[in-house]
C-alpha cells in the first residue's frame, strides 16, 4: 500500500459572510448602546428637574444649581419649577433621547483615545464637549422645530442654549457616562449580546 502524502491542514480564513456578521454585530451593539444612553439621559433629565428644584436652597451645594434653565415660553411648561416637591415631577422632550445619545458617543470616542489621561482632565474635556454640544443642538432644534426646547436666562448663559454655571454638572455627567460605557464594554457582556443565540432543538 502506497504511503499517503499527509497534507497540512488549511489555514482558517475568514470568509466575507463572517466578516459581515462581525460588522453587523458591532453595529447592532452600537445601536444598543445609543438606545441605553438615550433612555438613561431622558431618565436623568426628569430626575434633574427635582434635584435642581430641591437643592438650589441648600447651603454651598446650591451653588452648583444657580443656572436659570427654562423651556420656550410658547410651550407653557414653566410651571414645573413651582410644583410641590413631594410630587417628584419632572419633564423631558423626546428630542433629548438623540441629544444624549450623540453626546454619549462623543464621550466614548474621547475615552477610547484618552483613557490614560488623568480623570480630572477627562472630566473637564467631557464637560466642555457636552457644553458645546448642548449649545449647538439647542440651536439646531430651534431652527428645526421653531421652539427653544431649552434655554438659559442666567447671566452665565452662552448664546442662550447653555450656561457656564452648569459646566461642573456636565463634567460630572461625563464621568458617569464614561463609567456606564466601561460597564457596557465588559468583554463577557459584549460577547453575550453579540453572539447569535442558537435555535433550541425540538
N, C-alpha and C. Protein backbone atom coordinates (compact mmCIF):
# COMPACT_ATOMS: atom_id res chain seq x y z
N UNK A 1 0.85 -1.20 0.00
CA UNK A 1 0.00 0.00 0.00
C UNK A 1 0.89 1.25 0.00
N UNK A 2 0.63 2.11 -0.98
CA UNK A 2 1.48 3.30 -1.11
C UNK A 2 1.25 4.24 0.07
N UNK A 3 2.36 4.81 0.44
CA UNK A 3 2.25 5.79 1.54
C UNK A 3 1.50 7.03 1.07
N UNK A 4 0.55 7.42 1.84
CA UNK A 4 -0.21 8.63 1.51
C UNK A 4 0.55 9.88 1.96
N UNK A 5 0.50 10.89 1.14
CA UNK A 5 1.13 12.16 1.50
C UNK A 5 0.17 12.95 2.38
N UNK A 6 0.61 13.18 3.58
CA UNK A 6 -0.24 13.92 4.51
C UNK A 6 -0.18 15.41 4.18
N UNK A 7 -1.33 15.98 3.97
CA UNK A 7 -1.40 17.42 3.67
C UNK A 7 -1.52 18.22 4.96
N UNK A 8 -0.89 19.36 4.95
CA UNK A 8 -1.03 20.25 6.09
C UNK A 8 -2.44 20.79 6.13
N UNK A 9 -3.00 20.92 7.33
CA UNK A 9 -4.36 21.48 7.41
C UNK A 9 -4.39 22.90 6.86
N UNK A 10 -5.45 23.19 6.14
CA UNK A 10 -5.59 24.53 5.56
C UNK A 10 -5.75 25.58 6.65
N UNK A 11 -5.14 26.71 6.40
CA UNK A 11 -5.26 27.82 7.35
C UNK A 11 -6.68 28.36 7.29
N UNK A 12 -7.26 28.54 8.47
CA UNK A 12 -8.64 29.04 8.52
C UNK A 12 -8.69 30.49 8.07
N UNK A 13 -9.49 30.75 7.08
CA UNK A 13 -9.62 32.09 6.52
C UNK A 13 -11.03 32.60 6.78
N UNK A 14 -11.11 33.85 7.18
CA UNK A 14 -12.42 34.45 7.39
C UNK A 14 -13.08 34.72 6.06
N UNK A 15 -14.24 34.18 5.87
CA UNK A 15 -14.98 34.43 4.65
C UNK A 15 -15.76 35.73 4.79
N UNK A 16 -16.22 36.25 3.66
CA UNK A 16 -16.92 37.53 3.69
C UNK A 16 -18.12 37.52 4.61
N UNK A 17 -18.82 36.41 4.64
CA UNK A 17 -20.03 36.32 5.48
C UNK A 17 -19.68 36.50 6.95
N UNK A 18 -18.53 35.91 7.36
CA UNK A 18 -18.11 36.04 8.76
C UNK A 18 -17.73 37.48 9.09
N UNK A 19 -16.99 38.11 8.17
CA UNK A 19 -16.59 39.49 8.38
C UNK A 19 -17.82 40.39 8.44
N UNK A 20 -18.79 40.14 7.54
CA UNK A 20 -20.01 40.93 7.51
C UNK A 20 -20.80 40.73 8.79
N UNK A 21 -20.85 39.49 9.28
CA UNK A 21 -21.58 39.19 10.53
C UNK A 21 -20.96 39.96 11.69
N UNK A 22 -19.63 39.97 11.72
CA UNK A 22 -18.95 40.67 12.81
C UNK A 22 -19.26 42.17 12.74
N UNK A 23 -19.24 42.73 11.53
CA UNK A 23 -19.54 44.14 11.36
C UNK A 23 -20.96 44.46 11.78
N UNK A 24 -21.90 43.59 11.42
CA UNK A 24 -23.30 43.80 11.78
C UNK A 24 -23.50 43.69 13.29
N UNK A 25 -22.74 42.75 13.90
CA UNK A 25 -22.84 42.59 15.35
C UNK A 25 -22.36 43.85 16.06
N UNK A 26 -21.25 44.42 15.58
CA UNK A 26 -20.72 45.64 16.20
C UNK A 26 -21.67 46.81 15.98
N UNK A 27 -22.24 46.88 14.79
CA UNK A 27 -23.21 47.95 14.50
C UNK A 27 -24.43 47.80 15.41
N UNK A 28 -24.91 46.56 15.53
CA UNK A 28 -26.07 46.31 16.39
C UNK A 28 -25.79 46.68 17.84
N UNK A 29 -24.58 46.38 18.31
CA UNK A 29 -24.24 46.71 19.69
C UNK A 29 -24.10 48.22 19.87
N UNK A 30 -23.64 48.90 18.82
CA UNK A 30 -23.57 50.36 18.86
C UNK A 30 -24.96 50.96 18.97
N UNK A 31 -25.91 50.42 18.21
CA UNK A 31 -27.30 50.89 18.29
C UNK A 31 -27.87 50.63 19.68
N UNK A 32 -27.53 49.46 20.23
CA UNK A 32 -27.98 49.11 21.58
C UNK A 32 -27.46 50.11 22.61
N UNK A 33 -26.17 50.46 22.51
CA UNK A 33 -25.59 51.43 23.45
C UNK A 33 -26.24 52.79 23.29
N UNK A 34 -26.48 53.21 22.05
CA UNK A 34 -27.13 54.50 21.81
C UNK A 34 -28.50 54.52 22.48
N UNK A 35 -29.23 53.41 22.37
CA UNK A 35 -30.55 53.29 22.99
C UNK A 35 -30.45 53.41 24.51
N UNK A 36 -29.46 52.73 25.09
CA UNK A 36 -29.26 52.80 26.55
C UNK A 36 -28.92 54.23 26.97
N UNK A 37 -28.02 54.88 26.23
CA UNK A 37 -27.63 56.26 26.57
C UNK A 37 -28.82 57.20 26.46
N UNK A 38 -29.62 57.03 25.41
CA UNK A 38 -30.78 57.91 25.22
C UNK A 38 -31.78 57.77 26.36
N UNK A 39 -32.10 56.53 26.71
CA UNK A 39 -33.03 56.29 27.82
C UNK A 39 -32.46 56.80 29.14
N UNK A 40 -31.18 56.55 29.35
CA UNK A 40 -30.52 56.98 30.57
C UNK A 40 -30.57 58.51 30.69
N UNK A 41 -30.31 59.20 29.58
CA UNK A 41 -30.33 60.65 29.58
C UNK A 41 -31.71 61.22 29.85
N UNK A 42 -32.73 60.64 29.22
CA UNK A 42 -34.10 61.10 29.43
C UNK A 42 -34.50 60.91 30.90
N UNK A 43 -34.17 59.75 31.45
CA UNK A 43 -34.50 59.49 32.86
C UNK A 43 -33.77 60.46 33.78
N UNK A 44 -32.48 60.71 33.48
CA UNK A 44 -31.72 61.64 34.31
C UNK A 44 -32.28 63.06 34.24
N UNK A 45 -32.75 63.47 33.07
CA UNK A 45 -33.29 64.82 32.97
C UNK A 45 -34.54 64.99 33.83
N UNK A 46 -35.39 63.97 33.85
CA UNK A 46 -36.58 64.03 34.69
C UNK A 46 -36.20 64.13 36.16
N UNK A 47 -35.18 63.34 36.54
CA UNK A 47 -34.69 63.41 37.92
C UNK A 47 -34.02 64.76 38.18
N UNK A 48 -33.34 65.28 37.16
CA UNK A 48 -32.59 66.52 37.32
C UNK A 48 -33.48 67.70 37.67
N UNK A 49 -34.68 67.75 37.12
CA UNK A 49 -35.61 68.82 37.48
C UNK A 49 -35.82 68.84 39.00
N UNK A 50 -35.98 67.67 39.57
CA UNK A 50 -36.20 67.58 41.01
C UNK A 50 -34.96 67.98 41.80
N UNK A 51 -33.78 67.55 41.32
CA UNK A 51 -32.54 67.92 42.01
C UNK A 51 -32.34 69.43 42.01
N UNK A 52 -32.51 70.04 40.85
CA UNK A 52 -32.31 71.50 40.74
C UNK A 52 -33.31 72.23 41.63
N UNK A 53 -34.57 71.81 41.57
CA UNK A 53 -35.62 72.50 42.34
C UNK A 53 -35.38 72.38 43.84
N UNK A 54 -34.90 71.22 44.29
CA UNK A 54 -34.79 70.99 45.72
C UNK A 54 -33.42 71.33 46.32
N UNK A 55 -32.38 71.39 45.48
CA UNK A 55 -31.05 71.64 46.03
C UNK A 55 -30.58 73.08 45.90
N UNK A 56 -31.31 73.90 45.16
CA UNK A 56 -30.91 75.30 44.99
C UNK A 56 -30.80 76.03 46.33
N UNK A 57 -31.62 75.65 47.28
CA UNK A 57 -31.64 76.36 48.56
C UNK A 57 -30.70 75.75 49.61
N UNK A 58 -29.99 74.67 49.24
CA UNK A 58 -29.06 74.02 50.18
C UNK A 58 -27.75 74.81 50.22
N UNK A 59 -27.28 75.18 51.42
CA UNK A 59 -26.03 75.94 51.52
C UNK A 59 -24.87 75.22 50.83
N UNK A 60 -24.02 75.97 50.17
CA UNK A 60 -22.84 75.51 49.44
C UNK A 60 -23.22 74.65 48.23
N UNK A 61 -23.89 73.52 48.47
CA UNK A 61 -24.27 72.63 47.37
C UNK A 61 -25.15 73.36 46.35
N UNK A 62 -25.96 74.28 46.85
CA UNK A 62 -26.85 75.02 45.96
C UNK A 62 -26.13 75.89 44.94
N UNK A 63 -24.83 76.15 45.17
CA UNK A 63 -24.05 76.95 44.22
C UNK A 63 -23.91 76.25 42.87
N UNK A 64 -24.04 74.94 42.87
CA UNK A 64 -23.95 74.18 41.61
C UNK A 64 -25.21 74.29 40.76
N UNK A 65 -26.27 74.84 41.33
CA UNK A 65 -27.56 74.84 40.64
C UNK A 65 -28.13 76.25 40.45
N UNK A 66 -27.26 77.21 40.23
CA UNK A 66 -27.69 78.60 40.10
C UNK A 66 -27.96 79.03 38.66
N UNK A 67 -27.92 78.09 37.73
CA UNK A 67 -28.28 78.41 36.34
C UNK A 67 -29.80 78.52 36.23
N UNK A 68 -30.26 79.32 35.28
CA UNK A 68 -31.70 79.53 35.09
C UNK A 68 -32.12 78.78 33.83
N UNK A 69 -32.49 77.54 34.02
CA UNK A 69 -32.81 76.60 32.94
C UNK A 69 -34.31 76.69 32.65
N UNK A 70 -34.66 77.06 31.42
CA UNK A 70 -36.06 77.29 31.07
C UNK A 70 -36.45 76.56 29.78
N UNK A 71 -37.75 76.57 29.50
CA UNK A 71 -38.30 76.00 28.27
C UNK A 71 -39.04 77.12 27.54
N UNK A 72 -39.09 77.05 26.22
CA UNK A 72 -39.76 78.06 25.40
C UNK A 72 -41.09 78.46 26.03
N UNK A 73 -41.27 79.75 26.23
CA UNK A 73 -42.48 80.27 26.88
C UNK A 73 -43.75 79.86 26.13
N UNK A 74 -43.64 79.70 24.79
CA UNK A 74 -44.80 79.34 24.00
C UNK A 74 -45.33 77.95 24.33
N UNK A 75 -44.49 77.10 24.94
CA UNK A 75 -44.91 75.74 25.29
C UNK A 75 -45.63 75.69 26.64
N UNK A 76 -45.56 76.76 27.40
CA UNK A 76 -46.26 76.87 28.69
C UNK A 76 -45.92 75.70 29.63
N UNK A 77 -44.63 75.41 29.76
CA UNK A 77 -44.19 74.31 30.61
C UNK A 77 -43.35 74.78 31.81
N UNK A 78 -43.33 76.09 32.04
CA UNK A 78 -42.51 76.64 33.11
C UNK A 78 -43.01 76.36 34.51
N UNK A 79 -44.25 75.92 34.63
CA UNK A 79 -44.82 75.69 35.96
C UNK A 79 -44.16 74.53 36.70
N UNK A 80 -43.36 73.73 35.99
CA UNK A 80 -42.70 72.59 36.62
C UNK A 80 -41.81 73.03 37.79
N UNK A 81 -41.32 74.29 37.73
CA UNK A 81 -40.43 74.77 38.78
C UNK A 81 -41.16 75.12 40.07
N UNK A 82 -42.49 75.24 40.02
CA UNK A 82 -43.23 75.62 41.23
C UNK A 82 -44.14 74.52 41.77
N UNK A 83 -44.04 73.30 41.22
CA UNK A 83 -44.89 72.21 41.73
C UNK A 83 -44.36 71.77 43.10
N UNK A 84 -45.23 71.19 43.94
CA UNK A 84 -44.77 70.72 45.26
C UNK A 84 -43.66 69.69 45.13
N UNK A 85 -42.68 69.78 45.99
CA UNK A 85 -41.53 68.87 45.94
C UNK A 85 -41.95 67.42 46.08
N UNK A 86 -43.00 67.17 46.86
CA UNK A 86 -43.46 65.81 47.11
C UNK A 86 -43.99 65.14 45.83
N UNK A 87 -44.33 65.93 44.82
CA UNK A 87 -44.86 65.36 43.58
C UNK A 87 -43.78 64.65 42.77
N UNK A 88 -42.49 65.01 43.01
CA UNK A 88 -41.36 64.45 42.27
C UNK A 88 -41.58 64.54 40.76
N UNK A 89 -42.16 65.67 40.33
CA UNK A 89 -42.49 65.82 38.92
C UNK A 89 -41.32 66.38 38.13
N UNK A 90 -41.08 65.80 36.94
CA UNK A 90 -40.08 66.29 36.02
C UNK A 90 -40.63 66.19 34.61
N UNK A 91 -39.91 66.71 33.64
CA UNK A 91 -40.38 66.65 32.26
C UNK A 91 -39.18 66.56 31.32
N UNK A 92 -39.44 66.12 30.10
CA UNK A 92 -38.36 65.97 29.14
C UNK A 92 -38.93 65.85 27.73
N UNK A 93 -38.31 66.51 26.78
CA UNK A 93 -38.68 66.36 25.38
C UNK A 93 -38.04 65.08 24.83
N UNK A 94 -38.74 64.37 23.97
CA UNK A 94 -38.18 63.16 23.38
C UNK A 94 -37.01 63.46 22.45
N UNK A 95 -36.87 64.72 22.04
CA UNK A 95 -35.68 65.08 21.26
C UNK A 95 -34.41 64.83 22.07
N UNK A 96 -34.53 64.87 23.39
CA UNK A 96 -33.35 64.70 24.23
C UNK A 96 -32.76 63.30 24.13
N UNK A 97 -33.57 62.33 23.73
CA UNK A 97 -33.07 60.97 23.53
C UNK A 97 -31.89 60.99 22.56
N UNK A 98 -32.04 61.71 21.45
CA UNK A 98 -30.98 61.79 20.44
C UNK A 98 -29.84 62.69 20.89
N UNK A 99 -30.18 63.77 21.59
CA UNK A 99 -29.15 64.69 22.07
C UNK A 99 -28.21 63.97 23.04
N UNK A 100 -28.77 63.22 23.98
CA UNK A 100 -27.95 62.49 24.95
C UNK A 100 -27.20 61.34 24.29
N UNK A 101 -27.82 60.68 23.32
CA UNK A 101 -27.15 59.59 22.63
C UNK A 101 -25.90 60.06 21.91
N UNK A 102 -26.01 61.17 21.18
CA UNK A 102 -24.86 61.71 20.45
C UNK A 102 -23.76 62.16 21.42
N UNK A 103 -24.15 62.85 22.48
CA UNK A 103 -23.16 63.32 23.47
C UNK A 103 -22.41 62.13 24.07
N UNK A 104 -23.12 61.06 24.35
CA UNK A 104 -22.50 59.88 24.95
C UNK A 104 -21.53 59.20 24.00
N UNK A 105 -21.85 59.18 22.71
CA UNK A 105 -20.93 58.60 21.74
C UNK A 105 -19.66 59.45 21.63
N UNK A 106 -19.80 60.76 21.80
CA UNK A 106 -18.62 61.64 21.82
C UNK A 106 -17.73 61.28 23.02
N UNK A 107 -18.35 61.02 24.17
CA UNK A 107 -17.59 60.66 25.36
C UNK A 107 -16.91 59.31 25.17
N UNK A 108 -17.59 58.37 24.53
CA UNK A 108 -16.98 57.08 24.20
C UNK A 108 -15.69 57.30 23.41
N UNK A 109 -15.78 58.12 22.37
CA UNK A 109 -14.64 58.38 21.50
C UNK A 109 -13.48 58.99 22.27
N UNK A 110 -13.79 59.97 23.12
CA UNK A 110 -12.74 60.62 23.90
C UNK A 110 -12.09 59.62 24.85
N UNK A 111 -12.89 58.81 25.52
CA UNK A 111 -12.35 57.85 26.48
C UNK A 111 -11.46 56.82 25.80
N UNK A 112 -11.89 56.33 24.63
CA UNK A 112 -11.08 55.34 23.91
C UNK A 112 -9.71 55.91 23.53
N UNK A 113 -9.64 57.20 23.30
CA UNK A 113 -8.40 57.81 22.86
C UNK A 113 -7.63 58.53 23.96
N UNK A 114 -8.22 58.62 25.15
CA UNK A 114 -7.56 59.36 26.23
C UNK A 114 -7.76 58.69 27.58
N UNK A 115 -7.87 57.36 27.60
CA UNK A 115 -8.13 56.67 28.86
C UNK A 115 -6.97 56.77 29.83
N UNK A 116 -5.75 57.06 29.31
CA UNK A 116 -4.58 57.18 30.18
C UNK A 116 -4.39 58.59 30.73
N UNK A 117 -5.26 59.52 30.32
CA UNK A 117 -5.21 60.90 30.82
C UNK A 117 -5.86 60.93 32.20
N UNK A 118 -5.34 61.73 33.14
CA UNK A 118 -5.95 61.80 34.48
C UNK A 118 -7.45 62.07 34.41
N UNK A 119 -8.19 61.46 35.33
CA UNK A 119 -9.65 61.54 35.28
C UNK A 119 -10.16 62.98 35.38
N UNK A 120 -9.46 63.83 36.13
CA UNK A 120 -9.91 65.22 36.28
C UNK A 120 -9.83 65.96 34.95
N UNK A 121 -8.79 65.67 34.17
CA UNK A 121 -8.65 66.30 32.85
C UNK A 121 -9.74 65.78 31.92
N UNK A 122 -9.97 64.46 31.97
CA UNK A 122 -11.04 63.88 31.14
C UNK A 122 -12.37 64.50 31.50
N UNK A 123 -12.62 64.69 32.79
CA UNK A 123 -13.89 65.29 33.24
C UNK A 123 -14.08 66.67 32.64
N UNK A 124 -13.01 67.48 32.64
CA UNK A 124 -13.10 68.82 32.09
C UNK A 124 -13.37 68.77 30.58
N UNK A 125 -12.69 67.86 29.88
CA UNK A 125 -12.91 67.72 28.44
C UNK A 125 -14.34 67.26 28.16
N UNK A 126 -14.82 66.28 28.93
CA UNK A 126 -16.21 65.82 28.77
C UNK A 126 -17.17 66.98 28.96
N UNK A 127 -16.94 67.74 30.04
CA UNK A 127 -17.83 68.86 30.35
C UNK A 127 -17.88 69.88 29.23
N UNK A 128 -16.72 70.21 28.67
CA UNK A 128 -16.68 71.20 27.58
C UNK A 128 -17.35 70.67 26.31
N UNK A 129 -17.15 69.39 26.03
CA UNK A 129 -17.79 68.80 24.85
C UNK A 129 -19.31 68.81 25.00
N UNK A 130 -19.81 68.40 26.18
CA UNK A 130 -21.25 68.43 26.42
C UNK A 130 -21.77 69.86 26.36
N UNK A 131 -21.02 70.78 26.95
CA UNK A 131 -21.37 72.21 26.95
C UNK A 131 -21.55 72.72 25.52
N UNK A 132 -20.59 72.44 24.65
CA UNK A 132 -20.66 72.91 23.26
C UNK A 132 -21.76 72.20 22.48
N UNK A 133 -21.92 70.89 22.73
CA UNK A 133 -22.97 70.13 22.04
C UNK A 133 -24.36 70.61 22.49
N UNK A 134 -24.49 70.94 23.77
CA UNK A 134 -25.77 71.46 24.26
C UNK A 134 -26.12 72.75 23.53
N UNK A 135 -25.14 73.61 23.37
CA UNK A 135 -25.38 74.88 22.67
C UNK A 135 -25.76 74.64 21.22
N UNK A 136 -24.97 73.83 20.52
CA UNK A 136 -25.22 73.57 19.09
C UNK A 136 -26.54 72.86 18.87
N UNK A 137 -26.80 71.79 19.64
CA UNK A 137 -28.04 71.02 19.45
C UNK A 137 -29.26 71.84 19.82
N UNK A 138 -29.12 72.74 20.81
CA UNK A 138 -30.23 73.61 21.17
C UNK A 138 -30.66 74.48 20.01
N UNK A 139 -29.66 75.06 19.33
CA UNK A 139 -29.98 75.90 18.17
C UNK A 139 -30.48 75.07 16.99
N UNK A 140 -29.91 73.88 16.79
CA UNK A 140 -30.39 73.01 15.70
C UNK A 140 -31.86 72.65 15.90
N UNK A 141 -32.23 72.35 17.14
CA UNK A 141 -33.62 72.02 17.43
C UNK A 141 -34.52 73.24 17.27
N UNK A 142 -34.01 74.40 17.65
CA UNK A 142 -34.80 75.62 17.48
C UNK A 142 -35.05 75.90 16.00
N UNK A 143 -34.00 75.77 15.19
CA UNK A 143 -34.16 76.01 13.75
C UNK A 143 -35.05 74.94 13.11
N UNK A 144 -35.03 73.73 13.66
CA UNK A 144 -35.82 72.65 13.08
C UNK A 144 -37.27 72.61 13.54
N UNK A 145 -37.52 73.03 14.78
CA UNK A 145 -38.88 72.92 15.33
C UNK A 145 -39.57 74.26 15.50
N UNK A 146 -38.78 75.32 15.58
CA UNK A 146 -39.36 76.63 15.84
C UNK A 146 -39.54 76.92 17.32
N UNK A 147 -39.10 75.98 18.18
CA UNK A 147 -39.21 76.15 19.63
C UNK A 147 -37.84 76.01 20.28
N UNK A 148 -37.64 76.76 21.35
CA UNK A 148 -36.44 76.57 22.16
C UNK A 148 -36.78 75.47 23.16
N UNK A 149 -36.37 74.25 22.83
CA UNK A 149 -36.67 73.12 23.70
C UNK A 149 -36.11 73.37 25.10
N UNK A 150 -35.02 74.12 25.16
CA UNK A 150 -34.49 74.63 26.43
C UNK A 150 -33.73 75.92 26.13
N UNK A 151 -33.56 76.73 27.13
CA UNK A 151 -32.69 77.90 27.04
C UNK A 151 -32.32 78.31 28.45
N UNK A 152 -31.27 79.13 28.56
CA UNK A 152 -30.80 79.59 29.86
C UNK A 152 -30.92 81.10 29.92
N UNK A 153 -31.46 81.58 31.02
CA UNK A 153 -31.70 83.02 31.17
C UNK A 153 -30.81 83.66 32.23
N UNK A 154 -29.85 82.91 32.78
CA UNK A 154 -28.97 83.48 33.81
C UNK A 154 -27.83 84.26 33.17
N UNK A 155 -27.14 85.10 33.95
CA UNK A 155 -26.04 85.92 33.40
C UNK A 155 -24.89 85.10 32.81
N UNK A 156 -24.78 83.83 33.20
CA UNK A 156 -23.70 82.99 32.68
C UNK A 156 -24.05 82.26 31.40
N UNK A 157 -25.21 82.59 30.82
CA UNK A 157 -25.62 81.85 29.63
C UNK A 157 -24.66 82.10 28.46
N UNK A 158 -24.49 81.06 27.63
CA UNK A 158 -23.61 81.12 26.47
C UNK A 158 -24.48 80.92 25.23
N UNK A 159 -24.71 82.02 24.50
CA UNK A 159 -25.60 82.00 23.33
C UNK A 159 -26.96 81.40 23.67
N UNK A 160 -27.41 81.61 24.88
CA UNK A 160 -28.73 81.21 25.39
C UNK A 160 -28.92 79.71 25.60
N UNK A 161 -28.24 78.86 24.83
CA UNK A 161 -28.55 77.43 24.86
C UNK A 161 -27.73 76.62 25.86
N UNK A 162 -26.85 77.26 26.58
CA UNK A 162 -26.14 76.61 27.68
C UNK A 162 -25.66 77.69 28.63
N UNK A 163 -25.01 77.29 29.70
CA UNK A 163 -24.54 78.27 30.69
C UNK A 163 -23.25 77.78 31.31
N UNK A 164 -22.33 78.71 31.56
CA UNK A 164 -21.09 78.36 32.24
C UNK A 164 -21.38 77.83 33.65
N UNK A 165 -22.51 78.22 34.21
CA UNK A 165 -22.85 77.80 35.56
C UNK A 165 -23.19 76.31 35.65
N UNK A 166 -23.51 75.69 34.52
CA UNK A 166 -23.86 74.27 34.54
C UNK A 166 -22.67 73.40 34.17
N UNK A 167 -21.54 74.00 33.80
CA UNK A 167 -20.36 73.23 33.38
C UNK A 167 -19.93 72.17 34.40
N UNK A 168 -19.87 72.47 35.71
CA UNK A 168 -19.48 71.42 36.67
C UNK A 168 -20.40 70.20 36.62
N UNK A 169 -21.69 70.44 36.40
CA UNK A 169 -22.64 69.32 36.29
C UNK A 169 -22.30 68.48 35.08
N UNK A 170 -21.95 69.12 33.96
CA UNK A 170 -21.62 68.38 32.74
C UNK A 170 -20.32 67.60 32.90
N UNK A 171 -19.36 68.14 33.66
CA UNK A 171 -18.12 67.41 33.92
C UNK A 171 -18.42 66.11 34.66
N UNK A 172 -19.25 66.20 35.68
CA UNK A 172 -19.63 65.02 36.45
C UNK A 172 -20.43 64.04 35.59
N UNK A 173 -21.34 64.57 34.77
CA UNK A 173 -22.16 63.73 33.90
C UNK A 173 -21.27 62.95 32.93
N UNK A 174 -20.23 63.60 32.42
CA UNK A 174 -19.31 62.92 31.52
C UNK A 174 -18.65 61.72 32.17
N UNK A 175 -18.25 61.86 33.43
CA UNK A 175 -17.64 60.74 34.16
C UNK A 175 -18.64 59.61 34.38
N UNK A 176 -19.90 59.97 34.62
CA UNK A 176 -20.94 58.94 34.80
C UNK A 176 -21.12 58.15 33.50
N UNK A 177 -21.15 58.85 32.37
CA UNK A 177 -21.30 58.18 31.08
C UNK A 177 -20.07 57.32 30.78
N UNK A 178 -18.89 57.82 31.14
CA UNK A 178 -17.67 57.02 30.96
C UNK A 178 -17.77 55.72 31.73
N UNK A 179 -18.24 55.79 32.97
CA UNK A 179 -18.39 54.58 33.79
C UNK A 179 -19.40 53.63 33.15
N UNK A 180 -20.51 54.17 32.67
CA UNK A 180 -21.52 53.34 32.02
C UNK A 180 -20.93 52.67 30.78
N UNK A 181 -20.14 53.41 30.01
CA UNK A 181 -19.51 52.85 28.81
C UNK A 181 -18.58 51.71 29.17
N UNK A 182 -17.77 51.89 30.23
CA UNK A 182 -16.85 50.83 30.64
C UNK A 182 -17.61 49.56 31.03
N UNK A 183 -18.74 49.74 31.69
CA UNK A 183 -19.55 48.58 32.07
C UNK A 183 -20.16 47.91 30.85
N UNK A 184 -20.63 48.71 29.91
CA UNK A 184 -21.25 48.15 28.70
C UNK A 184 -20.24 47.43 27.81
N UNK A 185 -18.96 47.80 27.93
CA UNK A 185 -17.94 47.17 27.10
C UNK A 185 -17.24 46.02 27.81
N UNK A 186 -17.78 45.56 28.91
CA UNK A 186 -17.25 44.37 29.57
C UNK A 186 -17.24 43.22 28.56
N UNK A 187 -16.09 42.57 28.36
CA UNK A 187 -15.99 41.54 27.32
C UNK A 187 -17.06 40.46 27.40
N UNK A 188 -17.39 40.02 28.61
CA UNK A 188 -18.41 38.98 28.76
C UNK A 188 -19.78 39.48 28.31
N UNK A 189 -20.09 40.74 28.64
CA UNK A 189 -21.38 41.30 28.24
C UNK A 189 -21.44 41.47 26.73
N UNK A 190 -20.36 42.00 26.14
CA UNK A 190 -20.32 42.20 24.69
C UNK A 190 -20.48 40.86 23.97
N UNK A 191 -19.77 39.84 24.43
CA UNK A 191 -19.85 38.53 23.80
C UNK A 191 -21.25 37.95 23.91
N UNK A 192 -21.86 38.11 25.08
CA UNK A 192 -23.21 37.57 25.29
C UNK A 192 -24.23 38.23 24.38
N UNK A 193 -24.09 39.55 24.15
CA UNK A 193 -25.06 40.27 23.34
C UNK A 193 -24.81 40.09 21.85
N UNK A 194 -23.52 40.05 21.45
CA UNK A 194 -23.19 39.95 20.03
C UNK A 194 -23.30 38.54 19.48
N UNK A 195 -23.23 37.53 20.35
CA UNK A 195 -23.30 36.15 19.89
C UNK A 195 -24.73 35.79 19.51
N UNK A 196 -24.86 35.14 18.37
CA UNK A 196 -26.17 34.70 17.94
C UNK A 196 -26.63 33.55 18.83
N UNK A 197 -27.81 33.67 19.38
CA UNK A 197 -28.34 32.61 20.23
C UNK A 197 -28.78 31.44 19.37
N UNK A 198 -28.25 30.22 19.61
CA UNK A 198 -28.62 29.07 18.78
C UNK A 198 -30.10 28.70 18.97
N UNK A 199 -30.70 28.20 17.91
CA UNK A 199 -32.10 27.79 17.99
C UNK A 199 -32.18 26.51 18.80
N UNK A 200 -33.00 26.48 19.84
CA UNK A 200 -33.10 25.26 20.66
C UNK A 200 -33.65 24.09 19.87
N UNK A 201 -33.07 22.94 20.13
CA UNK A 201 -33.53 21.72 19.43
C UNK A 201 -34.86 21.27 19.98
N UNK A 202 -35.74 20.85 19.09
CA UNK A 202 -37.08 20.41 19.50
C UNK A 202 -37.04 18.92 19.80
